[in-house]
């Protein structure tokens, strides 16, 4: 997975809807090839994406693409 082109690469998989959130999936970091547990939720027009291992996490805010 490391070094593969990002376009078309499945980076999020296995998510399960839990109310207003999606949990229990994984996310791939295409830069290093590592896979992390993942949680997703929406805040307004933004998608919050959290990758984590145990108590360590990083949250990113994803915005809609201009088409």
PDB file of N, CA and C in Angstrom:
ATOM      1  N   UNK A   1       0.820  -1.200   0.000  1.00  0.00           N
ATOM      2  CA  UNK A   1       0.000   0.000   0.000  1.00  0.00           C
ATOM      3  C   UNK A   1       0.856   1.253   0.000  1.00  0.00           C
ATOM      4  N   UNK A   2       1.974   1.228   0.689  1.00  0.00           N
ATOM      5  CA  UNK A   2       2.853   2.398   0.715  1.00  0.00           C
ATOM      6  C   UNK A   2       3.409   2.641  -0.682  1.00  0.00           C
ATOM      7  N   UNK A   3       3.352   3.894  -1.105  1.00  0.00           N
ATOM      8  CA  UNK A   3       3.900   4.242  -2.401  1.00  0.00           C
ATOM      9  C   UNK A   3       2.946   4.068  -3.567  1.00  0.00           C
ATOM     10  N   UNK A   4       1.746   3.527  -3.317  1.00  0.00           N
ATOM     11  CA  UNK A   4       0.763   3.379  -4.395  1.00  0.00           C
ATOM     12  C   UNK A   4       0.133   4.734  -4.697  1.00  0.00           C
ATOM     13  N   UNK A   5      -0.344   4.925  -5.929  1.00  0.00           N
ATOM     14  CA  UNK A   5      -1.056   6.169  -6.239  1.00  0.00           C
ATOM     15  C   UNK A   5      -2.302   6.304  -5.361  1.00  0.00           C
ATOM     16  N   UNK A   6      -2.568   7.501  -4.873  1.00  0.00           N
ATOM     17  CA  UNK A   6      -3.694   7.728  -3.975  1.00  0.00           C
ATOM     18  C   UNK A   6      -5.024   7.709  -4.724  1.00  0.00           C
ATOM     19  N   UNK A   7      -5.042   8.167  -5.964  1.00  0.00           N
ATOM     20  CA  UNK A   7      -6.274   8.199  -6.745  1.00  0.00           C
ATOM     21  C   UNK A   7      -6.813   6.783  -6.914  1.00  0.00           C
ATOM     22  N   UNK A   8      -8.027   6.542  -6.432  1.00  0.00           N
ATOM     23  CA  UNK A   8      -8.661   5.238  -6.535  1.00  0.00           C
ATOM     24  C   UNK A   8      -8.322   4.284  -5.402  1.00  0.00           C
ATOM     25  N   UNK A   9      -7.422   4.678  -4.498  1.00  0.00           N
ATOM     26  CA  UNK A   9      -7.024   3.828  -3.381  1.00  0.00           C
ATOM     27  C   UNK A   9      -8.089   3.873  -2.293  1.00  0.00           C
ATOM     28  N   UNK A  10      -8.537   2.711  -1.833  1.00  0.00           N
ATOM     29  CA  UNK A  10      -9.517   2.657  -0.745  1.00  0.00           C
ATOM     30  C   UNK A  10      -8.777   2.916   0.559  1.00  0.00           C
ATOM     31  N   UNK A  11      -9.039   4.077   1.180  1.00  0.00           N
ATOM     32  CA  UNK A  11      -8.320   4.401   2.403  1.00  0.00           C
ATOM     33  C   UNK A  11      -9.181   4.248   3.654  1.00  0.00           C
ATOM     34  N   UNK A  12     -10.515   4.258   3.505  1.00  0.00           N
ATOM     35  CA  UNK A  12     -11.422   4.065   4.635  1.00  0.00           C
ATOM     36  C   UNK A  12     -12.270   2.844   4.349  1.00  0.00           C
ATOM     37  N   UNK A  13     -12.359   1.957   5.333  1.00  0.00           N
ATOM     38  CA  UNK A  13     -13.169   0.751   5.126  1.00  0.00           C
ATOM     39  C   UNK A  13     -13.759   0.259   6.440  1.00  0.00           C
ATOM     40  N   UNK A  14     -14.859  -0.494   6.308  1.00  0.00           N
ATOM     41  CA  UNK A  14     -15.467  -1.188   7.441  1.00  0.00           C
ATOM     42  C   UNK A  14     -16.245  -0.327   8.409  1.00  0.00           C
ATOM     43  N   UNK A  15     -16.620   0.885   8.028  1.00  0.00           N
ATOM     44  CA  UNK A  15     -17.316   1.776   8.956  1.00  0.00           C
ATOM     45  C   UNK A  15     -18.738   1.278   9.224  1.00  0.00           C
ATOM     46  N   UNK A  16     -19.192   1.460  10.479  1.00  0.00           N
ATOM     47  CA  UNK A  16     -20.534   1.062  10.904  1.00  0.00           C
ATOM     48  C   UNK A  16     -21.222   2.288  11.488  1.00  0.00           C
ATOM     49  N   UNK A  17     -22.420   2.585  10.987  1.00  0.00           N
ATOM     50  CA  UNK A  17     -23.149   3.760  11.483  1.00  0.00           C
ATOM     51  C   UNK A  17     -23.618   3.528  12.909  1.00  0.00           C
ATOM     52  N   UNK A  18     -23.406   4.559  13.749  1.00  0.00           N
ATOM     53  CA  UNK A  18     -23.816   4.528  15.149  1.00  0.00           C
ATOM     54  C   UNK A  18     -24.432   5.890  15.470  1.00  0.00           C
ATOM     55  N   UNK A  19     -25.716   6.038  15.190  1.00  0.00           N
ATOM     56  CA  UNK A  19     -26.379   7.324  15.384  1.00  0.00           C
ATOM     57  C   UNK A  19     -25.866   8.342  14.381  1.00  0.00           C
ATOM     58  N   UNK A  20     -25.266   9.418  14.881  1.00  0.00           N
ATOM     59  CA  UNK A  20     -24.747  10.491  14.032  1.00  0.00           C
ATOM     60  C   UNK A  20     -23.276  10.282  13.662  1.00  0.00           C
ATOM     61  N   UNK A  21     -22.685   9.161  14.073  1.00  0.00           N
ATOM     62  CA  UNK A  21     -21.272   8.888  13.802  1.00  0.00           C
ATOM     63  C   UNK A  21     -21.119   7.587  13.032  1.00  0.00           C
ATOM     64  N   UNK A  22     -19.925   7.396  12.496  1.00  0.00           N
ATOM     65  CA  UNK A  22     -19.528   6.138  11.882  1.00  0.00           C
ATOM     66  C   UNK A  22     -18.301   5.658  12.651  1.00  0.00           C
ATOM     67  N   UNK A  23     -18.319   4.395  13.120  1.00  0.00           N
ATOM     68  CA  UNK A  23     -17.257   3.852  13.963  1.00  0.00           C
ATOM     69  C   UNK A  23     -16.802   2.488  13.464  1.00  0.00           C
ATOM     70  N   UNK A  24     -15.839   1.934  14.187  1.00  0.00           N
ATOM     71  CA  UNK A  24     -15.389   0.542  14.022  1.00  0.00           C
ATOM     72  C   UNK A  24     -14.767   0.241  12.667  1.00  0.00           C
ATOM     73  N   UNK A  25     -14.300   1.260  11.967  1.00  0.00           N
ATOM     74  CA  UNK A  25     -13.625   1.040  10.694  1.00  0.00           C
ATOM     75  C   UNK A  25     -12.139   1.306  10.814  1.00  0.00           C
ATOM     76  N   UNK A  26     -11.482   1.320   9.674  1.00  0.00           N
ATOM     77  CA  UNK A  26     -10.051   1.606   9.635  1.00  0.00           C
ATOM     78  C   UNK A  26      -9.763   2.650   8.563  1.00  0.00           C
ATOM     79  N   UNK A  27      -8.632   3.326   8.734  1.00  0.00           N
ATOM     80  CA  UNK A  27      -8.174   4.308   7.755  1.00  0.00           C
ATOM     81  C   UNK A  27      -6.702   4.048   7.468  1.00  0.00           C
ATOM     82  N   UNK A  28      -6.357   4.120   6.212  1.00  0.00           N
ATOM     83  CA  UNK A  28      -4.990   3.901   5.753  1.00  0.00           C
ATOM     84  C   UNK A  28      -4.287   5.241   5.594  1.00  0.00           C
ATOM     85  N   UNK A  29      -3.087   5.357   6.136  1.00  0.00           N
ATOM     86  CA  UNK A  29      -2.239   6.521   5.874  1.00  0.00           C
ATOM     87  C   UNK A  29      -1.420   6.188   4.638  1.00  0.00           C
ATOM     88  N   UNK A  30      -1.736   6.774   3.492  1.00  0.00           N
ATOM     89  CA  UNK A  30      -1.049   6.398   2.253  1.00  0.00           C
ATOM     90  C   UNK A  30       0.424   6.799   2.236  1.00  0.00           C
ATOM     91  N   UNK A  31       0.825   7.713   3.127  1.00  0.00           N
ATOM     92  CA  UNK A  31       2.230   8.126   3.176  1.00  0.00           C
ATOM     93  C   UNK A  31       3.136   7.050   3.766  1.00  0.00           C
ATOM     94  N   UNK A  32       2.637   6.341   4.810  1.00  0.00           N
ATOM     95  CA  UNK A  32       3.494   5.343   5.458  1.00  0.00           C
ATOM     96  C   UNK A  32       2.961   3.916   5.373  1.00  0.00           C
ATOM     97  N   UNK A  33       1.745   3.735   4.831  1.00  0.00           N
ATOM     98  CA  UNK A  33       1.182   2.405   4.669  1.00  0.00           C
ATOM     99  C   UNK A  33       0.567   1.817   5.925  1.00  0.00           C
ATOM    100  N   UNK A  34       0.535   2.580   7.025  1.00  0.00           N
ATOM    101  CA  UNK A  34      -0.025   2.072   8.282  1.00  0.00           C
ATOM    102  C   UNK A  34      -1.541   2.231   8.291  1.00  0.00           C
ATOM    103  N   UNK A  35      -2.212   1.312   8.992  1.00  0.00           N
ATOM    104  CA  UNK A  35      -3.669   1.317   9.109  1.00  0.00           C
ATOM    105  C   UNK A  35      -4.027   1.607  10.564  1.00  0.00           C
ATOM    106  N   UNK A  36      -4.984   2.517  10.756  1.00  0.00           N
ATOM    107  CA  UNK A  36      -5.401   2.935  12.090  1.00  0.00           C
ATOM    108  C   UNK A  36      -6.902   2.722  12.253  1.00  0.00           C
ATOM    109  N   UNK A  37      -7.358   2.565  13.500  1.00  0.00           N
ATOM    110  CA  UNK A  37      -8.788   2.571  13.771  1.00  0.00           C
ATOM    111  C   UNK A  37      -9.317   3.948  13.390  1.00  0.00           C
ATOM    112  N   UNK A  38     -10.618   4.013  13.063  1.00  0.00           N
ATOM    113  CA  UNK A  38     -11.153   5.258  12.518  1.00  0.00           C
ATOM    114  C   UNK A  38     -12.557   5.540  13.044  1.00  0.00           C
ATOM    115  N   UNK A  39     -12.859   6.836  13.151  1.00  0.00           N
ATOM    116  CA  UNK A  39     -14.181   7.328  13.529  1.00  0.00           C
ATOM    117  C   UNK A  39     -14.472   8.536  12.649  1.00  0.00           C
ATOM    118  N   UNK A  40     -15.712   8.677  12.183  1.00  0.00           N
ATOM    119  CA  UNK A  40     -16.119   9.793  11.321  1.00  0.00           C
ATOM    120  C   UNK A  40     -17.383  10.435  11.871  1.00  0.00           C
ATOM    121  N   UNK A  41     -17.491  11.761  11.707  1.00  0.00           N
ATOM    122  CA  UNK A  41     -18.734  12.454  12.015  1.00  0.00           C
ATOM    123  C   UNK A  41     -18.775  13.761  11.234  1.00  0.00           C
ATOM    124  N   UNK A  42     -19.975  14.315  11.110  1.00  0.00           N
ATOM    125  CA  UNK A  42     -20.174  15.539  10.334  1.00  0.00           C
ATOM    126  C   UNK A  42     -20.429  16.694  11.291  1.00  0.00           C
ATOM    127  N   UNK A  43     -19.763  17.824  11.018  1.00  0.00           N
ATOM    128  CA  UNK A  43     -20.024  19.080  11.732  1.00  0.00           C
ATOM    129  C   UNK A  43     -20.302  20.140  10.681  1.00  0.00           C
ATOM    130  N   UNK A  44     -21.565  20.506  10.528  1.00  0.00           N
ATOM    131  CA  UNK A  44     -21.943  21.462   9.485  1.00  0.00           C
ATOM    132  C   UNK A  44     -21.696  20.859   8.117  1.00  0.00           C
ATOM    133  N   UNK A  45     -20.873  21.524   7.306  1.00  0.00           N
ATOM    134  CA  UNK A  45     -20.546  20.993   5.977  1.00  0.00           C
ATOM    135  C   UNK A  45     -19.160  20.350   5.957  1.00  0.00           C
ATOM    136  N   UNK A  46     -18.625  20.039   7.143  1.00  0.00           N
ATOM    137  CA  UNK A  46     -17.286  19.457   7.256  1.00  0.00           C
ATOM    138  C   UNK A  46     -17.360  18.020   7.763  1.00  0.00           C
ATOM    139  N   UNK A  47     -16.475  17.178   7.264  1.00  0.00           N
ATOM    140  CA  UNK A  47     -16.355  15.802   7.738  1.00  0.00           C
ATOM    141  C   UNK A  47     -15.168  15.732   8.682  1.00  0.00           C
ATOM    142  N   UNK A  48     -15.395  15.286   9.903  1.00  0.00           N
ATOM    143  CA  UNK A  48     -14.325  15.093  10.877  1.00  0.00           C
ATOM    144  C   UNK A  48     -13.870  13.641  10.779  1.00  0.00           C
ATOM    145  N   UNK A  49     -12.578  13.444  10.638  1.00  0.00           N
ATOM    146  CA  UNK A  49     -11.989  12.119  10.461  1.00  0.00           C
ATOM    147  C   UNK A  49     -10.948  11.928  11.554  1.00  0.00           C
ATOM    148  N   UNK A  50     -11.138  10.920  12.403  1.00  0.00           N
ATOM    149  CA  UNK A  50     -10.199  10.656  13.490  1.00  0.00           C
ATOM    150  C   UNK A  50      -9.578   9.275  13.311  1.00  0.00           C
ATOM    151  N   UNK A  51      -8.265   9.240  13.256  1.00  0.00           N
ATOM    152  CA  UNK A  51      -7.523   7.991  13.251  1.00  0.00           C
ATOM    153  C   UNK A  51      -6.866   7.823  14.603  1.00  0.00           C
ATOM    154  N   UNK A  52      -6.896   6.607  15.154  1.00  0.00           N
ATOM    155  CA  UNK A  52      -6.350   6.441  16.499  1.00  0.00           C
ATOM    156  C   UNK A  52      -5.818   5.038  16.756  1.00  0.00           C
ATOM    157  N   UNK A  53      -4.911   4.994  17.724  1.00  0.00           N
ATOM    158  CA  UNK A  53      -4.398   3.752  18.307  1.00  0.00           C
ATOM    159  C   UNK A  53      -4.485   3.947  19.811  1.00  0.00           C
ATOM    160  N   UNK A  54      -5.297   3.135  20.476  1.00  0.00           N
ATOM    161  CA  UNK A  54      -5.526   3.246  21.925  1.00  0.00           C
ATOM    162  C   UNK A  54      -5.946   4.680  22.261  1.00  0.00           C
ATOM    163  N   UNK A  55      -5.166   5.390  23.093  1.00  0.00           N
ATOM    164  CA  UNK A  55      -5.528   6.738  23.528  1.00  0.00           C
ATOM    165  C   UNK A  55      -4.878   7.836  22.688  1.00  0.00           C
ATOM    166  N   UNK A  56      -4.102   7.463  21.702  1.00  0.00           N
ATOM    167  CA  UNK A  56      -3.430   8.433  20.843  1.00  0.00           C
ATOM    168  C   UNK A  56      -4.235   8.603  19.559  1.00  0.00           C
ATOM    169  N   UNK A  57      -4.551   9.853  19.217  1.00  0.00           N
ATOM    170  CA  UNK A  57      -5.361  10.078  18.019  1.00  0.00           C
ATOM    171  C   UNK A  57      -4.980  11.389  17.346  1.00  0.00           C
ATOM    172  N   UNK A  58      -5.409  11.493  16.098  1.00  0.00           N
ATOM    173  CA  UNK A  58      -5.288  12.738  15.340  1.00  0.00           C
ATOM    174  C   UNK A  58      -6.582  12.917  14.569  1.00  0.00           C
ATOM    175  N   UNK A  59      -7.139  14.107  14.636  1.00  0.00           N
ATOM    176  CA  UNK A  59      -8.383  14.417  13.944  1.00  0.00           C
ATOM    177  C   UNK A  59      -8.101  15.416  12.832  1.00  0.00           C
ATOM    178  N   UNK A  60      -8.640  15.134  11.655  1.00  0.00           N
ATOM    179  CA  UNK A  60      -8.546  16.044  10.521  1.00  0.00           C
ATOM    180  C   UNK A  60      -9.947  16.514  10.148  1.00  0.00           C
ATOM    181  N   UNK A  61     -10.016  17.697   9.567  1.00  0.00           N
ATOM    182  CA  UNK A  61     -11.265  18.226   9.033  1.00  0.00           C
ATOM    183  C   UNK A  61     -11.183  18.169   7.520  1.00  0.00           C
ATOM    184  N   UNK A  62     -12.102  17.429   6.911  1.00  0.00           N
ATOM    185  CA  UNK A  62     -12.150  17.310   5.454  1.00  0.00           C
ATOM    186  C   UNK A  62     -13.274  18.195   4.937  1.00  0.00           C
ATOM    187  N   UNK A  63     -12.966  18.957   3.895  1.00  0.00           N
ATOM    188  CA  UNK A  63     -13.928  19.871   3.282  1.00  0.00           C
ATOM    189  C   UNK A  63     -14.374  19.330   1.931  1.00  0.00           C
ATOM    190  N   UNK A  64     -15.583  19.699   1.483  1.00  0.00           N
ATOM    191  CA  UNK A  64     -16.030  19.256   0.156  1.00  0.00           C
ATOM    192  C   UNK A  64     -15.107  19.808  -0.930  1.00  0.00           C
ATOM    193  N   UNK A  65     -14.896  19.026  -1.956  1.00  0.00           N
ATOM    194  CA  UNK A  65     -14.060  19.458  -3.081  1.00  0.00           C
ATOM    195  C   UNK A  65     -14.849  20.414  -3.967  1.00  0.00           C
ATOM    196  N   UNK A  66     -14.162  21.399  -4.514  1.00  0.00           N
ATOM    197  CA  UNK A  66     -14.766  22.269  -5.523  1.00  0.00           C
ATOM    198  C   UNK A  66     -14.719  21.529  -6.849  1.00  0.00           C
ATOM    199  N   UNK A  67     -15.876  21.315  -7.456  1.00  0.00           N
ATOM    200  CA  UNK A  67     -15.915  20.555  -8.708  1.00  0.00           C
ATOM    201  C   UNK A  67     -16.022  21.446  -9.882  1.00  0.00           C
TER     202      UNK A  67
END
